[in-house]
Amino acid sequence: MSERIRIAILVGSTKGRATAVATAVAAELTARGRAAAVVPLDRADAATVAAADALVLCTSTFGSGGVPANAVEFLARLEAGDIPCADVPVGWIGLGDRSFRDTYNGGWRRFERAFRVAGAVGLGEPLLFDAADALLPAADDARRAARIAEWTGSFDAALAARLAPTPRR
C-alpha cells in the first residue's frame, strides 16, 4: 500500500476566517484519503514545507493588500530564499474584501509571487472569498461549503495527476 499524500495547509489569519476555511479544506482532503494538516504561518518553516508532498496557502488580506501579522515572518523568509520549495505543488486560497478594488485578495497574491519565484508550481485556479458577501449566514455557510468542496476536488485531481508516477518505457 502506498503512503498517503501529505498536504500542509499554511494559514495566515487575523480574525479566524482563513483558519475556518483551511480547517474545512483539511476535512475535505482527509475524506479523500489525504493526510492534511493545518499549520498557522507563524509556526511554519522550511521543515514544514520539506515534510509535505504539497501545500495549500490559505490567507486573508490585512488592510490594503497586506498579509496578516502571523504571516509576515514566513513571507519574508520565503522571499529571502530561506524556504526551499522548488517543484512543490501549491494550491491558493485567498480571503479579502472586494471594496478594496486595487488590493482585493492582495495577501495570497504576495505569497503566490514569492512561491513562484522560489520555484513552486501553482495548481489550478485560486479559491477566492469576498468578506463583503451580503448573504444570510446560513446561505453563506452552504455556499462556502459547496465552493470549498468543488475547489478541493479540483485541487486533489490536479495534485494526483502531478504526483502520479510516470510510466517507464
N, C-alpha and C. Protein backbone atom coordinates (compact mmCIF):
# COMPACT_ATOMS: atom_id res chain seq x y z
N MET A 1 0.85 -1.19 0.00
CA MET A 1 0.00 0.00 0.00
C MET A 1 0.89 1.24 0.00
N SER A 2 0.57 2.22 -0.83
CA SER A 2 1.39 3.42 -0.92
C SER A 2 1.06 4.38 0.22
N GLU A 3 2.03 5.23 0.48
CA GLU A 3 1.89 6.21 1.55
C GLU A 3 0.88 7.29 1.14
N ARG A 4 0.15 7.81 2.11
CA ARG A 4 -0.81 8.88 1.83
C ARG A 4 -0.08 10.16 1.46
N ILE A 5 -0.66 10.92 0.58
CA ILE A 5 -0.09 12.21 0.19
C ILE A 5 -0.27 13.17 1.36
N ARG A 6 0.83 13.81 1.76
CA ARG A 6 0.83 14.74 2.89
C ARG A 6 0.70 16.17 2.37
N ILE A 7 -0.29 16.87 2.88
CA ILE A 7 -0.54 18.25 2.46
C ILE A 7 -0.51 19.15 3.68
N ALA A 8 0.33 20.16 3.63
CA ALA A 8 0.36 21.18 4.69
C ALA A 8 -0.46 22.36 4.21
N ILE A 9 -1.46 22.73 4.99
CA ILE A 9 -2.29 23.89 4.67
C ILE A 9 -1.77 25.03 5.53
N LEU A 10 -1.04 25.94 4.90
CA LEU A 10 -0.41 27.07 5.58
C LEU A 10 -1.40 28.21 5.68
N VAL A 11 -1.63 28.70 6.91
CA VAL A 11 -2.71 29.67 7.13
C VAL A 11 -2.22 30.98 7.71
N GLY A 12 -2.59 32.05 7.02
CA GLY A 12 -2.40 33.40 7.54
C GLY A 12 -3.78 33.94 7.88
N SER A 13 -4.00 34.25 9.14
CA SER A 13 -5.34 34.65 9.56
C SER A 13 -5.28 35.73 10.62
N THR A 14 -6.21 36.67 10.54
CA THR A 14 -6.30 37.74 11.52
C THR A 14 -7.48 37.51 12.45
N LYS A 15 -8.64 37.21 11.86
CA LYS A 15 -9.86 37.07 12.66
C LYS A 15 -10.39 35.64 12.71
N GLY A 16 -9.65 34.69 12.14
CA GLY A 16 -10.05 33.29 12.22
C GLY A 16 -10.81 32.77 11.01
N ARG A 17 -11.21 33.63 10.08
CA ARG A 17 -11.97 33.15 8.92
C ARG A 17 -11.10 32.26 8.02
N ALA A 18 -9.86 32.66 7.80
CA ALA A 18 -8.98 31.83 6.96
C ALA A 18 -8.72 30.48 7.63
N THR A 19 -8.59 30.48 8.94
CA THR A 19 -8.39 29.23 9.67
C THR A 19 -9.61 28.33 9.52
N ALA A 20 -10.80 28.91 9.57
CA ALA A 20 -12.03 28.13 9.40
C ALA A 20 -12.09 27.52 8.00
N VAL A 21 -11.73 28.28 6.99
CA VAL A 21 -11.72 27.77 5.62
C VAL A 21 -10.67 26.65 5.50
N ALA A 22 -9.48 26.89 6.05
CA ALA A 22 -8.41 25.89 5.99
C ALA A 22 -8.83 24.59 6.68
N THR A 23 -9.53 24.70 7.78
CA THR A 23 -9.99 23.51 8.51
C THR A 23 -11.00 22.74 7.66
N ALA A 24 -11.88 23.44 6.97
CA ALA A 24 -12.86 22.79 6.09
C ALA A 24 -12.15 22.11 4.92
N VAL A 25 -11.13 22.76 4.36
CA VAL A 25 -10.37 22.15 3.27
C VAL A 25 -9.64 20.90 3.77
N ALA A 26 -9.06 20.97 4.96
CA ALA A 26 -8.38 19.81 5.53
C ALA A 26 -9.34 18.64 5.70
N ALA A 27 -10.56 18.91 6.15
CA ALA A 27 -11.55 17.85 6.31
C ALA A 27 -11.90 17.23 4.95
N GLU A 28 -12.06 18.05 3.94
CA GLU A 28 -12.36 17.54 2.59
C GLU A 28 -11.22 16.68 2.06
N LEU A 29 -9.99 17.16 2.23
CA LEU A 29 -8.83 16.40 1.75
C LEU A 29 -8.67 15.08 2.51
N THR A 30 -8.91 15.11 3.81
CA THR A 30 -8.82 13.90 4.62
C THR A 30 -9.87 12.89 4.16
N ALA A 31 -11.07 13.37 3.86
CA ALA A 31 -12.13 12.49 3.36
C ALA A 31 -11.75 11.86 2.03
N ARG A 32 -10.85 12.50 1.30
CA ARG A 32 -10.38 11.98 0.01
C ARG A 32 -9.15 11.09 0.17
N GLY A 33 -8.77 10.81 1.42
CA GLY A 33 -7.66 9.92 1.67
C GLY A 33 -6.30 10.57 1.79
N ARG A 34 -6.27 11.89 1.86
CA ARG A 34 -5.01 12.61 2.00
C ARG A 34 -4.72 12.85 3.48
N ALA A 35 -3.47 13.07 3.82
CA ALA A 35 -3.08 13.46 5.17
C ALA A 35 -2.91 14.97 5.16
N ALA A 36 -3.88 15.69 5.69
CA ALA A 36 -3.87 17.15 5.63
C ALA A 36 -3.73 17.72 7.03
N ALA A 37 -2.82 18.68 7.18
CA ALA A 37 -2.61 19.35 8.46
C ALA A 37 -2.66 20.85 8.28
N VAL A 38 -3.40 21.52 9.14
CA VAL A 38 -3.48 22.98 9.14
C VAL A 38 -2.32 23.51 9.98
N VAL A 39 -1.52 24.39 9.39
CA VAL A 39 -0.35 24.94 10.07
C VAL A 39 -0.40 26.46 9.99
N PRO A 40 -0.58 27.15 11.13
CA PRO A 40 -0.52 28.61 11.10
C PRO A 40 0.85 29.06 10.61
N LEU A 41 0.89 30.10 9.81
CA LEU A 41 2.15 30.53 9.20
C LEU A 41 3.21 30.94 10.22
N ASP A 42 2.81 31.36 11.41
CA ASP A 42 3.81 31.71 12.41
C ASP A 42 4.45 30.47 13.04
N ARG A 43 3.95 29.28 12.68
CA ARG A 43 4.55 28.02 13.15
C ARG A 43 5.18 27.24 11.99
N ALA A 44 5.07 27.76 10.78
CA ALA A 44 5.59 27.07 9.60
C ALA A 44 7.04 27.48 9.36
N ASP A 45 7.80 26.52 8.81
CA ASP A 45 9.19 26.80 8.48
C ASP A 45 9.62 25.90 7.33
N ALA A 46 10.90 25.91 7.02
CA ALA A 46 11.41 25.10 5.93
C ALA A 46 11.13 23.62 6.16
N ALA A 47 11.22 23.15 7.39
CA ALA A 47 10.95 21.74 7.70
C ALA A 47 9.49 21.39 7.42
N THR A 48 8.57 22.30 7.69
CA THR A 48 7.15 22.08 7.40
C THR A 48 6.96 21.85 5.91
N VAL A 49 7.58 22.70 5.11
CA VAL A 49 7.46 22.59 3.66
C VAL A 49 8.13 21.31 3.16
N ALA A 50 9.30 21.00 3.69
CA ALA A 50 10.03 19.80 3.25
C ALA A 50 9.29 18.51 3.58
N ALA A 51 8.51 18.51 4.65
CA ALA A 51 7.80 17.30 5.07
C ALA A 51 6.51 17.06 4.29
N ALA A 52 6.10 18.04 3.49
CA ALA A 52 4.83 17.94 2.75
C ALA A 52 5.08 17.55 1.30
N ASP A 53 4.13 16.80 0.75
CA ASP A 53 4.16 16.49 -0.69
C ASP A 53 3.58 17.65 -1.49
N ALA A 54 2.73 18.43 -0.83
CA ALA A 54 2.08 19.57 -1.48
C ALA A 54 1.66 20.57 -0.40
N LEU A 55 1.41 21.79 -0.84
CA LEU A 55 0.98 22.85 0.07
C LEU A 55 -0.32 23.46 -0.42
N VAL A 56 -1.09 23.97 0.52
CA VAL A 56 -2.19 24.87 0.21
C VAL A 56 -1.91 26.12 1.02
N LEU A 57 -1.85 27.26 0.35
CA LEU A 57 -1.66 28.53 1.04
C LEU A 57 -3.03 29.16 1.18
N CYS A 58 -3.47 29.40 2.40
CA CYS A 58 -4.78 29.98 2.68
C CYS A 58 -4.56 31.20 3.56
N THR A 59 -4.81 32.39 3.01
CA THR A 59 -4.56 33.58 3.80
C THR A 59 -5.61 34.66 3.56
N SER A 60 -5.86 35.39 4.61
CA SER A 60 -6.68 36.59 4.47
C SER A 60 -5.77 37.71 4.02
N THR A 61 -6.37 38.84 3.70
CA THR A 61 -5.63 40.03 3.35
C THR A 61 -5.87 41.04 4.45
N PHE A 62 -4.80 41.63 4.92
CA PHE A 62 -4.90 42.60 6.00
C PHE A 62 -4.77 44.01 5.43
N GLY A 63 -5.69 44.88 5.83
CA GLY A 63 -5.62 46.26 5.37
C GLY A 63 -5.71 46.36 3.86
N SER A 64 -4.86 47.16 3.28
CA SER A 64 -4.89 47.41 1.83
C SER A 64 -3.89 46.53 1.10
N GLY A 65 -4.08 45.20 1.19
CA GLY A 65 -3.26 44.29 0.41
C GLY A 65 -2.15 43.60 1.16
N GLY A 66 -2.07 43.79 2.46
CA GLY A 66 -1.00 43.16 3.23
C GLY A 66 -1.36 41.77 3.67
N VAL A 67 -0.39 41.13 4.32
CA VAL A 67 -0.62 39.80 4.87
C VAL A 67 -0.87 39.93 6.36
N PRO A 68 -1.56 38.97 6.97
CA PRO A 68 -1.82 39.02 8.41
C PRO A 68 -0.51 39.00 9.21
N ALA A 69 -0.57 39.49 10.43
CA ALA A 69 0.63 39.56 11.28
C ALA A 69 1.29 38.21 11.44
N ASN A 70 0.50 37.13 11.51
CA ASN A 70 1.12 35.80 11.71
C ASN A 70 1.79 35.26 10.45
N ALA A 71 1.68 35.99 9.33
CA ALA A 71 2.26 35.53 8.07
C ALA A 71 3.48 36.34 7.64
N VAL A 72 3.73 37.46 8.28
CA VAL A 72 4.78 38.38 7.84
C VAL A 72 6.16 37.73 7.84
N GLU A 73 6.51 37.07 8.91
CA GLU A 73 7.86 36.48 9.01
C GLU A 73 8.06 35.36 8.00
N PHE A 74 7.07 34.48 7.83
CA PHE A 74 7.20 33.39 6.86
C PHE A 74 7.38 33.97 5.46
N LEU A 75 6.58 34.97 5.10
CA LEU A 75 6.70 35.58 3.78
C LEU A 75 8.09 36.17 3.58
N ALA A 76 8.62 36.83 4.60
CA ALA A 76 9.96 37.41 4.49
C ALA A 76 11.01 36.31 4.28
N ARG A 77 10.89 35.20 5.00
CA ARG A 77 11.84 34.08 4.83
C ARG A 77 11.69 33.45 3.45
N LEU A 78 10.45 33.34 2.96
CA LEU A 78 10.21 32.80 1.63
C LEU A 78 10.85 33.70 0.57
N GLU A 79 10.62 35.00 0.69
CA GLU A 79 11.19 35.95 -0.26
C GLU A 79 12.72 35.99 -0.20
N ALA A 80 13.28 35.71 0.96
CA ALA A 80 14.74 35.71 1.13
C ALA A 80 15.37 34.40 0.64
N GLY A 81 14.56 33.43 0.25
CA GLY A 81 15.08 32.16 -0.23
C GLY A 81 15.38 31.17 0.87
N ASP A 82 14.88 31.43 2.08
CA ASP A 82 15.14 30.54 3.22
C ASP A 82 14.14 29.40 3.34
N ILE A 83 13.15 29.35 2.46
CA ILE A 83 12.15 28.27 2.46
C ILE A 83 12.24 27.57 1.11
N PRO A 84 13.06 26.53 0.99
CA PRO A 84 13.18 25.83 -0.29
C PRO A 84 11.85 25.18 -0.68
N CYS A 85 11.42 25.45 -1.90
CA CYS A 85 10.16 24.86 -2.35
C CYS A 85 10.13 24.64 -3.86
N ALA A 86 11.28 24.44 -4.47
CA ALA A 86 11.31 24.17 -5.90
C ALA A 86 10.51 22.92 -6.22
N ASP A 87 9.66 23.04 -7.22
CA ASP A 87 8.81 21.95 -7.72
C ASP A 87 7.74 21.49 -6.74
N VAL A 88 7.53 22.19 -5.64
CA VAL A 88 6.47 21.83 -4.69
C VAL A 88 5.13 22.32 -5.24
N PRO A 89 4.13 21.45 -5.37
CA PRO A 89 2.81 21.89 -5.82
C PRO A 89 2.11 22.71 -4.73
N VAL A 90 1.49 23.80 -5.16
CA VAL A 90 0.80 24.69 -4.21
C VAL A 90 -0.57 25.07 -4.76
N GLY A 91 -1.58 24.97 -3.90
CA GLY A 91 -2.91 25.48 -4.21
C GLY A 91 -3.12 26.78 -3.45
N TRP A 92 -3.97 27.65 -3.98
CA TRP A 92 -4.12 29.00 -3.42
C TRP A 92 -5.55 29.27 -2.96
N ILE A 93 -5.67 29.82 -1.75
CA ILE A 93 -6.97 30.25 -1.23
C ILE A 93 -6.77 31.64 -0.64
N GLY A 94 -7.61 32.58 -1.07
CA GLY A 94 -7.50 33.95 -0.57
C GLY A 94 -8.82 34.45 -0.03
N LEU A 95 -8.73 35.22 1.04
CA LEU A 95 -9.90 35.89 1.61
C LEU A 95 -9.61 37.37 1.60
N GLY A 96 -10.52 38.14 1.08
CA GLY A 96 -10.31 39.58 1.01
C GLY A 96 -11.62 40.32 1.00
N ASP A 97 -11.52 41.61 0.82
CA ASP A 97 -12.69 42.49 0.79
C ASP A 97 -12.68 43.22 -0.56
N ARG A 98 -13.67 42.88 -1.39
CA ARG A 98 -13.73 43.43 -2.74
C ARG A 98 -13.85 44.96 -2.76
N SER A 99 -14.25 45.56 -1.66
CA SER A 99 -14.35 47.02 -1.64
C SER A 99 -12.97 47.68 -1.76
N PHE A 100 -11.90 46.91 -1.47
CA PHE A 100 -10.53 47.37 -1.72
C PHE A 100 -10.16 46.90 -3.13
N ARG A 101 -10.71 47.57 -4.14
CA ARG A 101 -10.60 47.10 -5.52
C ARG A 101 -9.18 46.78 -5.98
N ASP A 102 -8.28 47.70 -5.77
CA ASP A 102 -6.92 47.52 -6.29
C ASP A 102 -6.11 46.50 -5.51
N THR A 103 -6.50 46.21 -4.29
CA THR A 103 -5.71 45.29 -3.47
C THR A 103 -6.53 44.09 -3.01
N TYR A 104 -7.68 43.86 -3.66
CA TYR A 104 -8.54 42.73 -3.29
C TYR A 104 -7.74 41.43 -3.32
N ASN A 105 -7.75 40.71 -2.22
CA ASN A 105 -7.02 39.46 -2.07
C ASN A 105 -5.53 39.61 -2.32
N GLY A 106 -5.00 40.75 -1.98
CA GLY A 106 -3.57 41.01 -2.17
C GLY A 106 -2.68 40.12 -1.33
N GLY A 107 -3.17 39.61 -0.21
CA GLY A 107 -2.36 38.76 0.65
C GLY A 107 -1.90 37.49 -0.04
N TRP A 108 -2.83 36.74 -0.62
CA TRP A 108 -2.44 35.49 -1.28
C TRP A 108 -1.62 35.79 -2.53
N ARG A 109 -1.88 36.91 -3.19
CA ARG A 109 -1.12 37.25 -4.40
C ARG A 109 0.35 37.48 -4.06
N ARG A 110 0.62 38.08 -2.92
CA ARG A 110 2.02 38.27 -2.50
C ARG A 110 2.69 36.93 -2.27
N PHE A 111 1.97 36.01 -1.64
CA PHE A 111 2.51 34.67 -1.44
C PHE A 111 2.69 33.94 -2.76
N GLU A 112 1.73 34.06 -3.66
CA GLU A 112 1.84 33.39 -4.95
C GLU A 112 3.12 33.82 -5.67
N ARG A 113 3.35 35.13 -5.73
CA ARG A 113 4.57 35.63 -6.38
C ARG A 113 5.82 35.05 -5.72
N ALA A 114 5.87 35.09 -4.40
CA ALA A 114 7.05 34.61 -3.68
C ALA A 114 7.26 33.10 -3.88
N PHE A 115 6.20 32.32 -3.82
CA PHE A 115 6.33 30.89 -4.04
C PHE A 115 6.79 30.59 -5.47
N ARG A 116 6.24 31.29 -6.44
CA ARG A 116 6.63 31.05 -7.84
C ARG A 116 8.09 31.43 -8.08
N VAL A 117 8.54 32.54 -7.51
CA VAL A 117 9.95 32.93 -7.63
C VAL A 117 10.84 31.86 -7.02
N ALA A 118 10.38 31.23 -5.94
CA ALA A 118 11.14 30.18 -5.27
C ALA A 118 11.06 28.84 -6.01
N GLY A 119 10.29 28.78 -7.08
CA GLY A 119 10.23 27.57 -7.90
C GLY A 119 9.05 26.66 -7.64
N ALA A 120 8.14 27.06 -6.77
CA ALA A 120 6.94 26.24 -6.52
C ALA A 120 6.05 26.25 -7.77
N VAL A 121 5.20 25.23 -7.86
CA VAL A 121 4.32 25.07 -9.02
C VAL A 121 2.88 25.26 -8.57
N GLY A 122 2.22 26.28 -9.09
CA GLY A 122 0.81 26.51 -8.75
C GLY A 122 -0.08 25.47 -9.40
N LEU A 123 -1.06 24.99 -8.64
CA LEU A 123 -2.01 24.01 -9.16
C LEU A 123 -3.40 24.61 -9.24
N GLY A 124 -3.94 24.68 -10.42
CA GLY A 124 -5.32 25.11 -10.60
C GLY A 124 -5.56 26.57 -10.30
N GLU A 125 -6.82 26.88 -10.31
CA GLU A 125 -7.26 28.25 -10.05
C GLU A 125 -7.34 28.51 -8.55
N PRO A 126 -7.17 29.75 -8.14
CA PRO A 126 -7.32 30.05 -6.71
C PRO A 126 -8.79 30.02 -6.30
N LEU A 127 -9.01 29.75 -5.03
CA LEU A 127 -10.34 29.84 -4.44
C LEU A 127 -10.36 31.16 -3.68
N LEU A 128 -11.19 32.09 -4.11
CA LEU A 128 -11.22 33.43 -3.51
C LEU A 128 -12.55 33.69 -2.84
N PHE A 129 -12.47 34.26 -1.65
CA PHE A 129 -13.67 34.63 -0.90
C PHE A 129 -13.68 36.13 -0.67
N ASP A 130 -14.88 36.70 -0.74
CA ASP A 130 -15.06 38.13 -0.51
C ASP A 130 -15.75 38.33 0.84
N ALA A 131 -15.10 39.10 1.70
CA ALA A 131 -15.66 39.38 3.03
C ALA A 131 -16.94 40.18 2.96
N ALA A 132 -17.18 40.83 1.84
CA ALA A 132 -18.34 41.70 1.72
C ALA A 132 -19.58 40.98 1.21
N ASP A 133 -19.56 39.64 1.13
CA ASP A 133 -20.75 38.91 0.69
C ASP A 133 -21.94 39.30 1.56
N ALA A 134 -23.08 39.52 0.92
CA ALA A 134 -24.25 40.01 1.64
C ALA A 134 -25.31 38.93 1.84
N LEU A 135 -24.93 37.67 1.80
CA LEU A 135 -25.91 36.60 2.00
C LEU A 135 -26.19 36.41 3.49
N LEU A 136 -27.35 35.81 3.79
CA LEU A 136 -27.64 35.44 5.16
C LEU A 136 -26.63 34.40 5.62
N PRO A 137 -26.32 34.36 6.90
CA PRO A 137 -25.28 33.43 7.37
C PRO A 137 -25.50 31.97 6.96
N ALA A 138 -26.71 31.45 7.03
CA ALA A 138 -26.94 30.05 6.67
C ALA A 138 -26.69 29.82 5.18
N ALA A 139 -27.15 30.74 4.35
CA ALA A 139 -26.93 30.63 2.91
C ALA A 139 -25.45 30.77 2.59
N ASP A 140 -24.77 31.67 3.30
CA ASP A 140 -23.34 31.87 3.09
C ASP A 140 -22.56 30.62 3.47
N ASP A 141 -22.93 29.98 4.59
CA ASP A 141 -22.25 28.76 5.03
C ASP A 141 -22.40 27.64 3.99
N ALA A 142 -23.60 27.47 3.47
CA ALA A 142 -23.85 26.42 2.48
C ALA A 142 -23.08 26.69 1.19
N ARG A 143 -23.08 27.95 0.77
CA ARG A 143 -22.36 28.30 -0.46
C ARG A 143 -20.86 28.12 -0.27
N ARG A 144 -20.36 28.55 0.89
CA ARG A 144 -18.92 28.41 1.18
C ARG A 144 -18.53 26.92 1.19
N ALA A 145 -19.32 26.08 1.85
CA ALA A 145 -19.04 24.64 1.90
C ALA A 145 -19.03 24.03 0.50
N ALA A 146 -19.98 24.43 -0.34
CA ALA A 146 -20.04 23.90 -1.70
C ALA A 146 -18.82 24.35 -2.51
N ARG A 147 -18.44 25.61 -2.37
CA ARG A 147 -17.26 26.11 -3.09
C ARG A 147 -15.99 25.43 -2.62
N ILE A 148 -15.88 25.20 -1.31
CA ILE A 148 -14.71 24.51 -0.77
C ILE A 148 -14.64 23.08 -1.31
N ALA A 149 -15.77 22.38 -1.30
CA ALA A 149 -15.80 21.00 -1.80
C ALA A 149 -15.43 20.95 -3.28
N GLU A 150 -15.96 21.87 -4.08
CA GLU A 150 -15.64 21.89 -5.51
C GLU A 150 -14.16 22.20 -5.74
N TRP A 151 -13.65 23.21 -5.05
CA TRP A 151 -12.23 23.58 -5.22
C TRP A 151 -11.33 22.43 -4.77
N THR A 152 -11.65 21.83 -3.64
CA THR A 152 -10.83 20.74 -3.12
C THR A 152 -10.80 19.57 -4.10
N GLY A 153 -11.94 19.27 -4.71
CA GLY A 153 -11.97 18.20 -5.72
C GLY A 153 -11.07 18.51 -6.90
N SER A 154 -11.11 19.74 -7.38
CA SER A 154 -10.25 20.14 -8.50
C SER A 154 -8.77 20.11 -8.10
N PHE A 155 -8.47 20.63 -6.92
CA PHE A 155 -7.08 20.64 -6.44
C PHE A 155 -6.58 19.21 -6.28
N ASP A 156 -7.39 18.34 -5.68
CA ASP A 156 -6.98 16.96 -5.46
C ASP A 156 -6.73 16.24 -6.78
N ALA A 157 -7.57 16.46 -7.77
CA ALA A 157 -7.38 15.83 -9.08
C ALA A 157 -6.09 16.34 -9.74
N ALA A 158 -5.84 17.64 -9.68
CA ALA A 158 -4.61 18.20 -10.25
C ALA A 158 -3.38 17.67 -9.50
N LEU A 159 -3.50 17.54 -8.19
CA LEU A 159 -2.39 17.03 -7.40
C LEU A 159 -2.11 15.56 -7.74
N ALA A 160 -3.16 14.77 -7.85
CA ALA A 160 -2.98 13.35 -8.19
C ALA A 160 -2.30 13.21 -9.55
N ALA A 161 -2.70 14.04 -10.52
CA ALA A 161 -2.08 13.99 -11.84
C ALA A 161 -0.61 14.42 -11.77
N ARG A 162 -0.34 15.44 -10.97
CA ARG A 162 1.04 15.94 -10.84
C ARG A 162 1.96 14.92 -10.16
N LEU A 163 1.44 14.22 -9.17
CA LEU A 163 2.27 13.28 -8.39
C LEU A 163 2.21 11.84 -8.92
N ALA A 164 1.43 11.60 -9.95
CA ALA A 164 1.31 10.24 -10.48
C ALA A 164 2.66 9.79 -11.04
N PRO A 165 3.01 8.54 -10.77
CA PRO A 165 4.28 8.04 -11.31
C PRO A 165 4.23 8.02 -12.83
N THR A 166 5.34 8.38 -13.44
CA THR A 166 5.39 8.33 -14.90
C THR A 166 5.72 6.91 -15.32
N PRO A 167 5.03 6.41 -16.34
CA PRO A 167 5.27 5.03 -16.80
C PRO A 167 6.67 4.90 -17.38
N ARG A 168 7.29 3.78 -17.11
CA ARG A 168 8.62 3.51 -17.67
C ARG A 168 8.45 2.89 -19.04
N ARG A 169 9.37 3.22 -19.91
CA ARG A 169 9.32 2.66 -21.26
C ARG A 169 10.21 1.48 -21.37
